[in-house]
N, C-alpha and C. Protein backbone atom coordinates (compact mmCIF):
# COMPACT_ATOMS: atom_id res chain seq x y z
N MET A 1 134.88 54.55 197.97
CA MET A 1 135.00 56.10 198.29
C MET A 1 132.97 56.37 197.76
N ALA A 2 132.99 57.33 198.87
CA ALA A 2 131.30 57.76 198.70
C ALA A 2 131.20 58.52 197.82
N PHE A 3 129.85 58.92 197.26
CA PHE A 3 129.80 59.90 196.53
C PHE A 3 128.61 60.76 196.49
N LEU A 4 128.34 61.98 196.37
CA LEU A 4 127.50 62.68 196.91
C LEU A 4 126.09 62.45 195.63
N LYS A 5 124.80 62.29 195.62
CA LYS A 5 123.93 61.53 194.89
C LYS A 5 123.11 62.11 194.48
N ALA A 6 122.65 63.35 193.15
CA ALA A 6 122.10 64.67 193.17
C ALA A 6 121.05 64.55 193.71
N PRO A 7 120.02 63.64 193.79
CA PRO A 7 118.36 63.90 195.01
C PRO A 7 118.88 64.47 195.82
N ASP A 8 120.15 64.36 196.12
CA ASP A 8 119.92 64.72 197.61
C ASP A 8 120.56 66.09 198.28
N VAL A 9 121.54 67.00 196.63
CA VAL A 9 121.45 67.94 196.99
C VAL A 9 120.33 69.09 197.25
N ILE A 10 120.37 70.18 198.18
CA ILE A 10 119.66 70.68 198.34
C ILE A 10 118.33 71.56 197.59
N SER A 11 116.96 71.85 197.06
CA SER A 11 116.66 72.43 196.24
C SER A 11 116.73 73.79 196.56
N GLY A 12 116.59 74.60 195.99
CA GLY A 12 116.84 76.37 196.04
C GLY A 12 115.61 77.31 196.49
N LYS A 13 113.96 76.19 196.24
CA LYS A 13 112.94 76.69 196.21
C LYS A 13 112.14 75.88 197.37
N GLU A 14 112.88 74.77 197.72
CA GLU A 14 112.31 73.64 199.22
C GLU A 14 113.02 74.51 200.58
N ALA A 15 112.12 75.74 201.19
CA ALA A 15 112.50 76.65 201.87
C ALA A 15 110.61 76.99 202.51
N ARG A 16 111.36 77.51 203.67
CA ARG A 16 109.78 78.13 204.17
C ARG A 16 110.67 79.05 205.43
N ALA A 17 109.67 80.39 205.53
CA ALA A 17 110.39 80.63 206.69
C ALA A 17 108.91 82.45 206.90
N TYR A 18 109.43 82.20 208.08
CA TYR A 18 108.57 83.39 208.69
C TYR A 18 109.41 84.13 209.42
N ALA A 19 108.83 85.17 210.04
CA ALA A 19 109.05 86.58 211.33
C ALA A 19 108.21 85.80 211.94
N VAL A 20 109.01 86.56 213.13
CA VAL A 20 107.95 86.88 214.79
C VAL A 20 107.85 88.16 215.04
N ILE A 21 107.22 89.01 214.40
CA ILE A 21 107.76 90.69 215.01
C ILE A 21 106.47 91.15 216.11
N ASP A 22 106.96 91.53 217.12
CA ASP A 22 105.73 91.88 217.88
C ASP A 22 104.70 90.82 218.35
N GLY A 23 105.08 90.00 218.37
CA GLY A 23 103.96 88.72 218.74
C GLY A 23 103.43 87.89 217.38
N ASN A 24 103.61 88.65 216.10
CA ASN A 24 102.97 88.38 215.42
C ASN A 24 103.85 87.39 214.28
N VAL A 25 103.32 86.18 214.09
CA VAL A 25 103.86 85.82 212.77
C VAL A 25 103.61 85.64 211.67
N GLU A 26 104.57 86.20 210.91
CA GLU A 26 104.85 86.88 209.68
C GLU A 26 104.85 85.63 208.41
N GLU A 27 104.31 85.44 207.80
CA GLU A 27 104.70 84.07 207.09
C GLU A 27 105.45 84.94 205.67
N LEU A 28 106.75 84.64 206.06
CA LEU A 28 107.45 85.62 204.20
C LEU A 28 107.56 84.08 202.73
N PHE A 29 106.19 84.60 202.37
CA PHE A 29 105.90 83.93 200.96
C PHE A 29 106.42 85.18 200.48
N TYR A 30 106.14 85.93 200.62
CA TYR A 30 107.21 86.70 199.53
C TYR A 30 108.45 87.29 199.58
N ALA A 31 109.59 86.27 199.62
CA ALA A 31 110.76 85.64 200.21
C ALA A 31 111.56 85.60 198.92
N LYS A 32 112.15 86.61 197.91
CA LYS A 32 112.95 85.36 197.04
C LYS A 32 114.29 84.27 197.60
N SER A 33 114.63 85.13 199.13
CA SER A 33 116.02 84.59 199.41
C SER A 33 116.36 85.39 200.60
N VAL A 34 117.14 84.43 201.06
CA VAL A 34 117.50 84.70 202.71
C VAL A 34 119.09 84.36 203.11
N GLU A 35 119.81 85.41 203.22
CA GLU A 35 121.12 84.03 203.25
C GLU A 35 121.75 85.01 204.50
N ALA A 36 122.54 84.58 205.66
CA ALA A 36 123.03 84.69 206.93
C ALA A 36 123.74 84.40 207.03
N THR A 37 124.38 85.01 207.65
CA THR A 37 126.13 84.86 207.80
C THR A 37 126.69 84.50 209.30
N VAL A 38 127.53 84.21 210.45
CA VAL A 38 127.89 84.50 211.01
C VAL A 38 129.66 84.77 211.08
N GLU A 39 130.11 85.68 211.51
CA GLU A 39 131.31 85.91 211.25
C GLU A 39 132.07 85.97 212.63
N LYS A 40 133.59 85.39 212.53
CA LYS A 40 134.29 85.83 214.08
C LYS A 40 134.80 86.41 213.54
N ASN A 41 134.85 87.17 215.02
CA ASN A 41 135.98 87.84 215.48
C ASN A 41 137.37 87.76 216.06
N LYS A 42 138.17 88.17 215.49
CA LYS A 42 139.74 87.62 215.72
C LYS A 42 140.59 88.77 216.61
N THR A 43 141.34 88.17 217.13
CA THR A 43 142.26 89.02 217.34
C THR A 43 143.67 88.54 217.20
N GLU A 44 144.48 89.14 217.03
CA GLU A 44 146.43 89.23 216.15
C GLU A 44 146.62 88.70 217.58
N ILE A 45 148.17 87.69 217.80
CA ILE A 45 148.40 87.06 218.68
C ILE A 45 149.94 86.89 218.01
N LYS A 46 150.73 87.76 218.75
CA LYS A 46 151.97 87.68 218.19
C LYS A 46 153.35 86.96 219.61
N VAL A 47 153.90 86.18 219.61
CA VAL A 47 154.37 85.90 220.36
C VAL A 47 156.27 85.58 219.97
N LEU A 48 156.98 85.87 221.17
CA LEU A 48 158.35 85.18 220.78
C LEU A 48 158.38 83.89 220.78
N GLY A 49 159.09 84.40 218.89
CA GLY A 49 160.16 82.87 218.99
C GLY A 49 159.30 82.12 218.07
N ARG A 50 158.37 82.95 217.72
CA ARG A 50 157.37 82.41 215.75
C ARG A 50 157.24 84.05 214.99
N ARG A 51 157.36 83.48 213.55
CA ARG A 51 156.74 84.54 212.95
C ARG A 51 155.36 84.66 212.11
N ALA A 52 155.31 83.89 212.55
CA ALA A 52 153.75 83.80 211.92
C ALA A 52 153.09 84.32 213.35
N THR A 53 151.78 85.22 213.02
CA THR A 53 150.97 85.55 213.60
C THR A 53 149.97 84.75 213.54
N GLN A 54 149.97 84.09 215.03
CA GLN A 54 147.92 83.59 215.40
C GLN A 54 147.02 84.06 215.71
N HIS A 55 145.97 83.59 215.59
CA HIS A 55 144.43 84.66 215.95
C HIS A 55 143.64 83.94 217.13
N LYS A 56 143.07 84.80 217.96
CA LYS A 56 142.20 83.83 218.64
C LYS A 56 141.05 84.71 218.29
N ALA A 57 140.05 83.87 218.48
CA ALA A 57 138.78 84.32 218.11
C ALA A 57 137.85 85.07 219.66
N THR A 58 137.48 85.86 218.89
CA THR A 58 136.74 87.22 220.81
C THR A 58 135.66 86.59 220.63
N GLY A 59 134.35 86.80 219.60
CA GLY A 59 133.58 86.79 219.98
C GLY A 59 132.83 86.37 218.34
N TRP A 60 131.76 87.09 218.19
CA TRP A 60 131.00 87.08 216.63
C TRP A 60 130.26 87.81 216.62
N SER A 61 129.57 87.82 215.11
CA SER A 61 129.20 88.96 214.41
C SER A 61 127.85 88.43 213.72
N GLY A 62 126.31 88.22 213.31
CA GLY A 62 125.43 87.93 212.92
C GLY A 62 125.48 89.00 212.26
N SER A 63 124.60 88.68 210.78
CA SER A 63 123.92 89.51 209.32
C SER A 63 123.40 89.00 208.52
N GLY A 64 122.86 89.44 208.10
CA GLY A 64 122.11 88.73 206.46
C GLY A 64 121.53 89.66 205.67
N THR A 65 121.03 89.45 204.59
CA THR A 65 119.95 89.64 203.88
C THR A 65 119.44 88.92 203.39
N MET A 66 117.50 89.90 203.46
CA MET A 66 116.64 88.91 202.82
C MET A 66 116.40 90.17 201.11
N THR A 67 116.15 89.68 200.71
CA THR A 67 115.70 89.79 199.03
C THR A 67 114.19 88.85 198.95
N ILE A 68 113.27 90.37 198.58
CA ILE A 68 112.00 90.42 198.87
C ILE A 68 111.21 90.69 197.61
N TYR A 69 109.76 90.27 197.56
CA TYR A 69 108.99 91.00 196.47
C TYR A 69 108.57 91.85 197.00
N TYR A 70 108.49 93.05 195.97
CA TYR A 70 108.51 94.23 196.63
C TYR A 70 107.40 94.56 197.10
N VAL A 71 106.04 93.94 197.88
CA VAL A 71 104.82 93.60 197.73
C VAL A 71 104.22 93.88 199.65
N THR A 72 104.79 94.60 200.14
CA THR A 72 104.55 94.86 201.86
C THR A 72 105.33 95.57 202.35
N SER A 73 104.11 96.22 202.84
CA SER A 73 105.03 97.87 203.44
C SER A 73 105.44 97.16 204.93
N LEU A 74 105.15 96.31 205.17
CA LEU A 74 105.64 95.38 206.50
C LEU A 74 106.94 97.18 207.47
N PHE A 75 108.11 96.15 206.65
CA PHE A 75 109.55 96.72 207.24
C PHE A 75 109.38 98.34 206.94
N ARG A 76 108.79 98.44 206.17
CA ARG A 76 108.57 100.34 206.23
C ARG A 76 107.85 101.04 207.06
N ARG A 77 106.62 100.36 207.31
CA ARG A 77 106.12 101.02 208.52
C ARG A 77 106.83 100.42 209.59
N LYS A 78 107.14 99.51 210.23
CA LYS A 78 108.37 99.13 211.27
C LYS A 78 109.08 100.68 211.44
N VAL A 79 109.93 101.06 210.34
CA VAL A 79 111.02 101.97 210.23
C VAL A 79 110.06 103.39 210.66
N LEU A 80 109.11 103.15 209.89
CA LEU A 80 108.81 104.60 210.62
C LEU A 80 108.38 104.61 211.23
N GLU A 81 107.63 104.02 212.14
CA GLU A 81 107.49 104.34 213.77
C GLU A 81 108.56 104.29 214.66
N TYR A 82 109.63 103.71 214.25
CA TYR A 82 110.85 103.62 214.64
C TYR A 82 111.20 105.37 214.64
N ALA A 83 111.30 105.97 213.22
CA ALA A 83 111.66 107.47 213.44
C ALA A 83 111.08 108.14 213.64
N ARG A 84 110.11 107.59 214.09
CA ARG A 84 108.49 109.11 214.37
C ARG A 84 109.12 108.79 216.43
N THR A 85 109.36 107.38 216.40
CA THR A 85 108.86 107.22 218.52
C THR A 85 110.10 106.64 218.49
N GLY A 86 111.07 106.52 217.69
CA GLY A 86 112.42 106.73 218.24
C GLY A 86 112.54 104.93 219.55
N LYS A 87 111.51 103.84 219.37
CA LYS A 87 111.05 102.78 219.60
C LYS A 87 111.71 101.75 218.69
N ASP A 88 113.03 101.31 218.67
CA ASP A 88 113.62 100.12 217.71
C ASP A 88 112.34 99.12 217.99
N PHE A 89 112.67 97.98 216.81
CA PHE A 89 111.93 96.08 216.70
C PHE A 89 113.05 95.81 216.29
N TYR A 90 113.09 94.84 216.97
CA TYR A 90 113.72 93.76 216.85
C TYR A 90 112.84 92.35 216.66
N PHE A 91 113.27 91.20 216.01
CA PHE A 91 112.31 90.30 215.46
C PHE A 91 113.06 88.65 215.35
N THR A 92 112.15 87.61 215.01
CA THR A 92 113.18 86.53 215.24
C THR A 92 112.83 85.85 213.65
N LEU A 93 113.84 85.72 213.20
CA LEU A 93 113.40 85.20 211.25
C LEU A 93 114.06 83.53 211.75
N VAL A 94 113.02 82.82 211.18
CA VAL A 94 113.57 81.14 211.01
C VAL A 94 113.25 80.98 209.61
N VAL A 95 114.07 79.83 208.68
CA VAL A 95 114.43 79.43 208.09
C VAL A 95 114.35 78.10 208.02
N THR A 96 113.73 77.35 207.26
CA THR A 96 113.48 75.63 207.21
C THR A 96 113.70 75.66 205.58
N ASN A 97 114.89 75.12 205.61
CA ASN A 97 115.38 74.23 204.66
C ASN A 97 114.69 72.25 204.22
N GLU A 98 114.22 72.55 204.07
CA GLU A 98 114.05 70.49 203.58
C GLU A 98 113.11 70.01 202.19
N ASP A 99 113.99 69.83 201.43
CA ASP A 99 113.62 68.74 200.45
C ASP A 99 113.26 67.43 200.41
N PRO A 100 111.72 67.13 200.18
CA PRO A 100 111.01 65.32 200.41
C PRO A 100 112.25 64.56 199.46
N ALA A 101 112.84 65.08 198.01
CA ALA A 101 113.46 64.03 197.54
C ALA A 101 114.90 63.88 198.02
N SER A 102 115.32 64.56 199.08
CA SER A 102 116.83 65.00 199.85
C SER A 102 116.70 63.67 200.90
N ALA A 103 117.75 62.82 201.20
CA ALA A 103 117.92 62.08 202.15
C ALA A 103 118.85 62.82 203.57
N THR A 104 118.67 64.12 203.10
CA THR A 104 119.25 64.79 204.30
C THR A 104 118.71 65.51 204.78
N GLY A 105 116.91 65.23 204.71
CA GLY A 105 116.21 65.52 206.08
C GLY A 105 115.91 67.39 205.57
N LYS A 106 115.90 67.64 207.62
CA LYS A 106 116.04 69.51 207.12
C LYS A 106 116.47 70.32 208.28
N GLN A 107 116.39 71.52 208.04
CA GLN A 107 118.03 72.12 208.44
C GLN A 107 116.77 73.25 209.01
N THR A 108 116.84 73.98 210.70
CA THR A 108 115.99 74.54 210.65
C THR A 108 116.86 75.84 211.21
N ALA A 109 117.17 77.37 210.79
CA ALA A 109 117.90 77.97 211.64
C ALA A 109 117.27 79.50 212.06
N VAL A 110 117.32 79.51 213.19
CA VAL A 110 116.92 80.35 214.00
C VAL A 110 117.25 81.23 214.40
N LEU A 111 117.28 83.01 213.81
CA LEU A 111 117.69 83.93 214.10
C LEU A 111 117.29 84.63 215.04
N LYS A 112 117.89 85.60 215.84
CA LYS A 112 117.45 85.68 216.97
C LYS A 112 117.54 87.38 217.43
N GLU A 113 116.90 87.88 217.75
CA GLU A 113 117.36 89.78 218.06
C GLU A 113 117.52 89.93 217.07
N CYS A 114 116.89 89.61 215.67
CA CYS A 114 117.05 90.75 214.23
C CYS A 114 117.03 91.97 214.30
N ASN A 115 117.69 93.04 213.34
CA ASN A 115 117.14 93.99 213.70
C ASN A 115 117.62 95.29 212.03
N ILE A 116 116.87 95.53 211.75
CA ILE A 116 116.62 95.60 210.31
C ILE A 116 117.99 96.72 209.52
N ASP A 117 118.35 96.75 209.23
CA ASP A 117 119.30 97.90 208.83
C ASP A 117 118.74 99.18 208.24
N SER A 118 118.58 98.56 206.71
CA SER A 118 117.77 99.65 205.91
C SER A 118 117.05 99.56 205.34
N VAL A 119 116.18 100.10 204.70
CA VAL A 119 114.94 99.73 203.94
C VAL A 119 114.17 100.55 202.55
N ILE A 120 114.37 100.23 201.80
CA ILE A 120 113.36 101.09 200.40
C ILE A 120 112.77 101.87 200.56
N LEU A 121 112.34 103.41 200.25
CA LEU A 121 111.25 103.79 200.80
C LEU A 121 109.92 103.97 200.00
N ALA A 122 110.45 104.05 198.69
CA ALA A 122 109.84 103.71 197.35
C ALA A 122 110.92 103.69 196.70
N LYS A 123 110.05 102.59 194.88
CA LYS A 123 110.92 102.30 194.20
C LYS A 123 110.04 102.28 193.15
N PHE A 124 110.46 101.93 191.66
CA PHE A 124 110.05 101.83 190.44
C PHE A 124 111.18 101.55 189.81
N ASP A 125 110.57 100.83 188.07
CA ASP A 125 111.54 100.46 187.20
C ASP A 125 110.88 100.38 186.19
N VAL A 126 110.99 101.16 185.28
CA VAL A 126 110.13 100.81 183.66
C VAL A 126 110.58 99.66 183.53
N ASP A 127 111.87 99.79 183.63
CA ASP A 127 112.16 98.16 182.46
C ASP A 127 112.21 96.61 183.10
N ALA A 128 111.24 96.95 184.47
CA ALA A 128 111.32 95.36 185.60
C ALA A 128 110.16 94.95 185.18
N ASP A 129 110.01 93.75 185.45
CA ASP A 129 108.99 92.90 185.14
C ASP A 129 108.32 92.30 186.20
N GLU A 130 109.13 91.79 187.31
CA GLU A 130 108.73 92.83 188.56
C GLU A 130 109.52 93.21 189.51
N LEU A 131 108.92 94.14 190.33
CA LEU A 131 110.50 94.79 192.06
C LEU A 131 110.41 94.00 193.02
N ASP A 132 111.81 93.73 193.43
CA ASP A 132 112.19 93.30 194.81
C ASP A 132 112.68 94.18 195.07
N GLU A 133 113.22 94.11 197.05
CA GLU A 133 113.62 94.91 197.42
C GLU A 133 114.97 94.46 198.31
N GLU A 134 115.95 94.53 198.69
CA GLU A 134 117.38 93.99 199.59
C GLU A 134 116.61 94.48 200.63
N VAL A 135 116.94 93.96 202.27
CA VAL A 135 116.54 94.12 203.30
C VAL A 135 117.84 93.57 204.15
N PRO A 136 119.05 94.19 204.32
CA PRO A 136 119.70 93.67 205.18
C PRO A 136 119.55 94.15 206.92
N PHE A 137 119.92 92.74 207.55
CA PHE A 137 120.23 93.03 209.02
C PHE A 137 120.81 92.83 209.83
N THR A 138 120.81 93.12 211.31
CA THR A 138 122.10 91.75 211.79
C THR A 138 120.78 91.05 212.76
N PHE A 139 121.58 90.56 213.20
CA PHE A 139 121.07 89.32 214.61
C PHE A 139 122.49 89.16 215.34
N SER A 140 122.00 88.56 216.39
CA SER A 140 122.72 88.75 217.95
C SER A 140 122.51 87.33 218.59
N ASP A 141 122.02 86.18 218.08
CA ASP A 141 121.59 85.35 218.82
C ASP A 141 121.27 84.16 217.11
N PHE A 142 121.74 82.76 217.76
CA PHE A 142 120.88 81.93 216.55
C PHE A 142 120.73 80.87 217.13
N ASP A 143 120.10 79.80 216.57
CA ASP A 143 119.43 77.81 217.18
C ASP A 143 119.66 77.61 216.11
N LEU A 144 119.99 76.16 216.13
CA LEU A 144 119.86 75.18 214.84
C LEU A 144 119.14 74.24 215.49
N PRO A 145 117.72 73.70 215.92
CA PRO A 145 116.73 72.92 216.31
C PRO A 145 116.89 71.63 215.23
N ASP A 146 116.71 71.99 214.03
CA ASP A 146 116.94 70.87 213.03
C ASP A 146 117.89 71.15 212.43
N GLN A 147 118.62 69.68 211.95
CA GLN A 147 119.95 69.55 211.41
C GLN A 147 119.81 68.59 210.70
N PHE A 148 120.71 68.99 209.03
CA PHE A 148 120.39 68.12 208.08
C PHE A 148 121.46 66.99 208.89
N ASN A 149 120.75 65.68 208.44
CA ASN A 149 121.07 64.32 208.84
C ASN A 149 122.52 64.11 207.74
N ALA A 150 123.80 63.76 208.44
CA ALA A 150 124.42 62.84 207.88
C ALA A 150 125.01 62.05 206.28
N LEU A 151 125.19 62.24 205.69
CA LEU A 151 124.57 61.54 204.20
C LEU A 151 125.70 60.47 204.39
N ARG A 152 125.36 59.51 204.24
CA ARG A 152 126.16 58.06 203.65
C ARG A 152 127.13 58.48 202.60
N GLY A 153 126.28 58.62 200.90
CA GLY A 153 127.22 58.61 199.95
C GLY A 153 126.63 57.72 199.51
């Protein structure tokens, strides 16, 4: 029987992330977390002779959230540009997980055509030791150029 070895679990701190915005690479060293999800869209299919409702995948949608320290005006500046001119912005987000202690290797997820849903314009909290902000986004394409190795246990 195979068992997962503790060193092969990926540390949440062993990641790199950057965004490509207007051709410029922005290292997201101020990011605390990123989570992106693909949700399949399904249609209910009812057929004669079956009481169960079947489901057929008809597409997908991508969404995510970045939690970052409140130390950059980049996303506020881009949303301000959109508010003033109507010119929206899209970017590519690249996240690599690679823990040198793990035999799992690395995985790189490339999220394409990302678009910010909302930004915080101003913030303070007298009880906070540090300020952060959640930046929700959607994306419409993705790739996995690097994928984790299969573990043997």
